[in-house]
Protein backbone atom coordinates (compact mmCIF):
# COMPACT_ATOMS: atom_id res chain seq x y z
CA MET A 1 295.18 312.93 93.12
CA ASN A 2 297.93 314.96 92.04
CA PRO A 3 297.80 314.81 88.20
CA ASN A 4 301.44 315.29 87.01
CA PRO A 5 304.05 313.74 89.36
CA ALA A 6 306.90 311.78 87.97
CA SER A 7 306.60 308.26 89.16
CA SER A 8 309.60 307.62 91.57
CA PHE A 9 309.15 303.89 91.83
CA LEU A 10 307.12 302.17 89.27
CA GLN A 11 308.47 302.13 85.56
CA ALA A 12 305.84 300.34 83.53
CA VAL A 13 302.37 298.88 83.31
CA VAL A 14 301.67 295.67 81.28
CA PHE A 15 298.20 295.39 80.37
CA ASP A 16 296.09 292.55 79.10
CA TRP A 17 293.74 293.25 76.15
CA ALA A 18 290.19 291.57 75.92
CA GLY A 19 288.35 292.39 79.28
CA THR A 20 291.05 294.60 80.54
CA VAL A 21 291.55 297.52 78.05
CA ILE A 22 289.04 296.27 75.17
CA ASP A 23 286.07 294.28 74.57
CA PHE A 24 284.02 294.85 77.80
CA GLY A 25 283.04 291.38 79.07
CA SER A 26 285.49 289.66 76.76
CA GLN A 27 282.89 288.85 74.21
CA ALA A 28 284.76 288.29 71.14
CA PRO A 29 286.21 284.65 71.83
CA MET A 30 283.18 283.15 73.19
CA GLY A 31 280.84 282.87 70.39
CA ALA A 32 283.89 281.57 68.21
CA PHE A 33 284.74 278.89 70.72
CA VAL A 34 281.00 277.83 71.02
CA GLU A 35 280.70 277.81 67.08
CA LEU A 36 283.89 275.97 66.71
CA PHE A 37 282.84 272.93 68.77
CA ARG A 38 279.31 273.07 67.33
CA ARG A 39 280.90 272.49 63.81
CA HIS A 40 282.35 269.22 65.02
CA GLY A 41 278.94 268.00 66.54
CA VAL A 42 279.63 269.02 70.17
CA GLU A 43 277.56 271.59 71.99
CA ILE A 44 279.45 273.82 74.62
CA GLY A 45 277.95 276.46 76.68
CA ILE A 46 279.36 280.10 76.98
CA ASP A 47 280.04 279.30 80.75
CA GLU A 48 282.04 276.40 79.80
CA ALA A 49 283.94 278.46 77.12
CA ARG A 50 285.02 281.03 79.64
CA VAL A 51 286.65 278.60 82.06
CA PRO A 52 290.06 278.57 80.58
CA MET A 53 290.23 282.00 79.59
CA GLY A 54 293.67 283.83 79.72
CA LEU A 55 295.33 280.88 78.34
CA PRO A 56 296.90 280.90 74.78
CA LYS A 57 294.06 279.89 72.47
CA TRP A 58 295.76 276.57 71.49
CA HIS A 59 295.79 275.72 75.06
CA HIS A 60 292.43 277.00 75.68
CA ILE A 61 290.93 274.66 73.09
CA GLN A 62 292.82 271.83 74.48
CA ALA A 63 291.66 272.52 77.84
CA LEU A 64 288.06 272.67 76.72
CA GLY A 65 288.53 269.38 75.11
CA ARG A 66 289.64 267.86 78.10
CA MET A 67 286.74 269.18 80.42
CA PRO A 68 284.96 265.86 81.42
CA ARG A 69 281.67 266.66 80.01
CA ILE A 70 283.06 267.95 76.76
CA ALA A 71 285.57 265.14 76.46
CA GLN A 72 282.63 262.69 76.78
CA ALA A 73 280.47 264.40 74.22
CA TRP A 74 283.64 264.40 71.92
CA LEU A 75 284.05 260.63 72.43
CA ASP A 76 280.51 259.99 71.77
CA VAL A 77 280.55 261.88 68.68
CA HIS A 78 283.80 260.95 67.18
CA GLY A 79 284.58 257.47 68.76
CA ARG A 80 287.94 258.73 70.04
CA PRO A 81 289.28 260.72 72.86
CA PHE A 82 290.03 264.25 72.16
CA GLY A 83 293.75 264.62 71.47
CA ASN A 84 296.28 267.13 70.32
CA ALA A 85 295.77 266.50 66.72
CA ASP A 86 292.13 267.54 67.14
CA THR A 87 293.36 270.78 69.12
CA ASP A 88 295.74 271.52 66.15
CA ALA A 89 292.71 271.10 63.69
CA LEU A 90 290.32 273.24 65.71
CA TYR A 91 292.87 275.82 66.48
CA ALA A 92 293.50 276.28 62.58
CA GLU A 93 289.81 276.93 62.31
CA PHE A 94 289.72 279.09 65.31
CA THR A 95 292.04 281.71 64.42
CA PRO A 96 290.25 283.11 61.41
CA MET A 97 286.85 282.80 63.24
CA ASN A 98 288.34 284.97 66.20
CA ALA A 99 290.02 287.36 63.88
CA ALA A 100 286.71 288.18 62.28
CA SER A 101 285.05 288.36 65.71
CA VAL A 102 287.32 290.83 67.45
CA ARG A 103 286.47 293.34 64.72
CA GLN A 104 283.08 293.44 66.17
CA HIS A 105 284.48 293.65 69.87
CA ALA A 106 287.22 296.17 69.40
CA ASP A 107 286.09 299.17 71.40
CA LEU A 108 288.03 300.53 74.31
CA ILE A 109 286.73 300.06 77.68
CA PRO A 110 285.59 303.32 78.94
CA GLY A 111 288.32 305.16 80.89
CA THR A 112 291.31 303.60 79.08
CA VAL A 113 292.31 306.39 77.28
CA GLU A 114 292.15 308.71 80.40
CA THR A 115 294.09 306.06 82.60
CA LEU A 116 296.82 305.89 79.78
CA ASP A 117 297.13 309.48 79.75
CA TRP A 118 297.56 309.75 83.43
CA LEU A 119 300.16 306.91 83.48
CA ARG A 120 302.22 308.57 80.75
CA LYS A 121 302.27 311.87 82.52
CA ARG A 122 303.97 310.15 85.40
CA GLY A 123 306.58 308.56 82.91
CA LEU A 124 305.21 305.25 83.10
CA ARG A 125 306.01 302.66 80.01
CA ILE A 126 302.90 300.93 78.50
CA ALA A 127 303.10 297.47 77.32
CA SER A 128 301.08 294.42 76.87
CA THR A 129 300.71 290.43 76.69
CA THR A 130 297.81 288.63 75.47
CA GLY A 131 296.39 285.09 74.96
CA TYR A 132 295.62 286.08 71.39
CA ASN A 133 298.06 284.78 68.73
CA ARG A 134 299.94 287.27 66.39
CA ASP A 135 297.44 286.68 63.50
CA ILE A 136 294.65 287.81 65.74
CA MET A 137 296.57 290.70 67.08
CA GLU A 138 297.55 291.92 63.54
CA VAL A 139 293.82 292.63 63.14
CA LEU A 140 293.33 294.13 66.76
CA ILE A 141 296.18 296.21 67.14
CA PRO A 142 295.59 298.92 64.46
CA LEU A 143 291.80 299.05 65.65
CA ALA A 144 292.94 299.68 69.20
CA ALA A 145 295.75 302.11 68.19
CA ARG A 146 292.99 304.32 66.33
CA GLN A 147 291.21 304.67 69.61
CA GLY A 148 294.40 305.47 71.67
CA PHE A 149 295.71 302.26 72.99
CA ASP A 150 299.03 301.74 71.33
CA PRO A 151 301.45 299.89 73.72
CA GLU A 152 305.29 300.04 72.88
CA ALA A 153 305.77 296.40 73.13
CA VAL A 154 303.14 293.49 72.55
CA VAL A 155 303.86 289.86 73.52
CA CYS A 156 301.33 287.42 71.86
CA ALA A 157 300.48 283.78 72.30
CA GLY A 158 303.01 281.78 70.33
CA ASP A 159 305.78 284.55 70.09
CA LEU A 160 307.54 282.50 72.68
CA PRO A 161 308.37 278.90 73.64
CA GLU A 162 306.04 279.32 76.77
CA SER A 163 303.17 281.55 77.41
CA ARG A 164 300.73 282.27 80.45
CA PRO A 165 300.91 281.39 83.25
CA SER A 166 304.76 281.35 82.67
CA PRO A 167 306.67 284.45 83.35
CA MET A 168 308.60 284.22 79.97
CA GLY A 169 306.33 287.02 78.14
CA MET A 170 306.79 289.32 80.95
CA ARG A 171 310.50 288.85 81.30
CA HIS A 172 310.76 289.43 77.47
CA LEU A 173 309.23 292.66 78.02
CA PHE A 174 311.57 293.72 80.66
CA GLU A 175 314.33 292.99 78.30
CA ARG A 176 312.50 295.14 75.56
CA LEU A 177 311.92 297.97 77.97
CA GLY A 178 315.19 297.80 79.78
CA ILE A 179 313.80 297.19 83.21
CA HIS A 180 315.75 295.23 85.56
CA ASP A 181 313.50 295.11 88.82
CA PRO A 182 310.24 293.32 88.18
CA GLN A 183 308.72 294.96 91.42
CA ARG A 184 308.67 298.25 89.45
CA VAL A 185 306.16 296.65 87.11
CA VAL A 186 302.29 296.36 87.36
CA LYS A 187 300.42 293.63 85.44
CA VAL A 188 296.71 294.31 84.90
CA ASP A 189 294.66 291.40 83.74
CA ASP A 190 291.21 289.96 84.10
CA THR A 191 292.18 286.24 84.09
CA VAL A 192 293.88 283.61 86.43
CA PRO A 193 296.66 282.70 83.99
CA GLY A 194 297.25 286.40 83.05
CA LEU A 195 297.39 287.38 86.74
CA LEU A 196 299.99 284.42 87.46
CA GLU A 197 301.99 285.40 84.63
CA GLY A 198 302.65 288.66 86.54
CA ARG A 199 302.90 287.13 89.90
CA HIS A 200 305.48 284.42 88.59
CA ALA A 201 307.51 287.36 87.06
CA GLY A 202 307.67 289.12 90.52
CA CYS A 203 305.25 292.02 89.60
CA TRP A 204 302.47 293.88 91.34
CA THR A 205 299.31 292.57 89.82
CA VAL A 206 295.83 294.20 89.58
CA ALA A 207 292.79 291.90 88.70
CA VAL A 208 290.01 293.44 86.69
CA LEU A 209 286.52 292.52 87.86
CA ALA A 210 283.44 294.29 86.14
CA SER A 211 284.71 294.44 82.65
CA GLY A 212 286.32 291.16 82.74
CA ASN A 213 285.81 287.39 81.65
CA ALA A 214 284.93 286.36 85.28
CA LEU A 215 281.64 288.03 84.85
CA GLY A 216 281.28 288.29 81.21
CA LEU A 217 278.68 291.18 81.08
CA THR A 218 278.28 293.77 78.40
CA GLU A 219 278.89 297.50 79.50
CA ALA A 220 275.27 298.07 79.39
CA GLN A 221 274.43 295.07 81.68
CA TRP A 222 276.92 296.16 84.17
CA GLN A 223 275.65 299.82 84.01
CA GLY A 224 272.16 298.59 84.51
CA LEU A 225 272.79 296.89 87.81
CA ASP A 226 271.96 298.34 91.10
CA ALA A 227 274.69 298.89 93.99
CA SER A 228 273.73 295.62 95.54
CA ARG A 229 273.77 293.45 92.61
CA ARG A 230 277.25 294.69 91.66
CA THR A 231 278.68 294.06 95.09
CA VAL A 232 277.40 290.40 94.78
CA LEU A 233 278.94 290.03 91.24
CA ARG A 234 282.21 291.68 92.41
CA ASN A 235 282.54 289.06 95.18
CA GLN A 236 281.72 286.33 92.69
CA ALA A 237 284.33 287.61 90.22
CA ARG A 238 286.93 287.82 93.18
CA GLU A 239 286.13 284.12 93.98
CA THR A 240 286.74 283.05 90.41
CA LEU A 241 290.02 285.06 90.25
CA ALA A 242 291.17 283.86 93.63
CA GLU A 243 293.94 281.36 92.16
CA GLY A 244 295.38 284.40 90.59
CA ASP A 245 296.51 285.71 93.89
CA ALA A 246 296.22 289.50 92.83
CA ASN A 247 297.56 292.22 94.98
CA PHE A 248 294.60 294.54 94.01
CA PHE A 249 291.10 294.41 92.60
CA ILE A 250 289.27 297.10 90.43
CA ASP A 251 286.15 297.24 88.61
CA THR A 252 287.63 298.58 85.35
CA VAL A 253 290.92 300.07 84.14
CA ALA A 254 289.46 303.44 84.84
CA ASP A 255 290.03 302.64 88.54
CA LEU A 256 293.79 301.93 88.01
CA PRO A 257 295.40 305.35 88.92
CA ALA A 258 294.25 305.06 92.49
CA VAL A 259 295.79 301.72 92.71
CA ILE A 260 299.23 303.01 91.20
CA GLU A 261 299.48 305.76 93.89
CA THR A 262 298.76 303.05 96.62
CA ILE A 263 301.48 300.86 95.15
CA GLU A 264 303.88 303.84 95.06
CA GLN A 265 303.19 304.93 98.62
CA ARG A 266 303.78 301.50 99.82
CA MET A 267 307.07 301.41 97.78
CA ALA A 268 308.02 304.83 99.35
CA ALA A 269 307.25 303.42 102.86
CA ALA A 270 309.40 300.54 102.43
CA VAL A 271 312.14 302.73 101.48
CA ARG A 272 311.88 304.77 104.39
CA ARG A 273 311.80 301.71 106.66
CA ASP A 274 314.98 300.61 105.17
């Protein structure tokens, strides 16, 4: 790859956070969700807690409470259906729990800094959206910045009237960055709602497999797998993320530069055909 060309077509890359650029396997929220429901007498599993990932955390808790098995368990324990008032109460508890948890899972995913440097050398802007709320991100943003991830604009859950999978957050970023054509933006995410956020906004989308929520593995667990097992799990993650309708799939953010070059080649070919 040519390391220093100016990008002719793309203007920006918008990254998700957990599972995409920090927190390999998106570990931070999982224990908090499990403990949250346990405090209220309902046992949930990590696999169940991962299902709504990518949604804003209030909606994530609501989605968990509406899952048939969990809804029945809540009804059995509390004698009433799980409702929005319960979501409000659990969300108020969850935010400080998750804010504490992210401190323990704030390491950048390997290759992030190198990829960011590569993108910036091409003149690409760096921004982000997240399912975390602003209170949690006030803890996480400085931790990431010290390691080299410091996007110029961040949209958090709750910042706007609508969040993922709505494109509103992406459109807000377009305004902040002065971008008029969404096809000149790439969204990188490891969840279906986050990918759909990009698709609904008209952007190119890149799904993250190995480091993301779909597999939920730590870096050590992923590195310890042989090639055949990795292939099986990649396919599993692609199936999990199929509804996100991504344009491209990568293992981790370290693999993004090759995709950026492919996108630019396709855009250049389209111009030539015109």
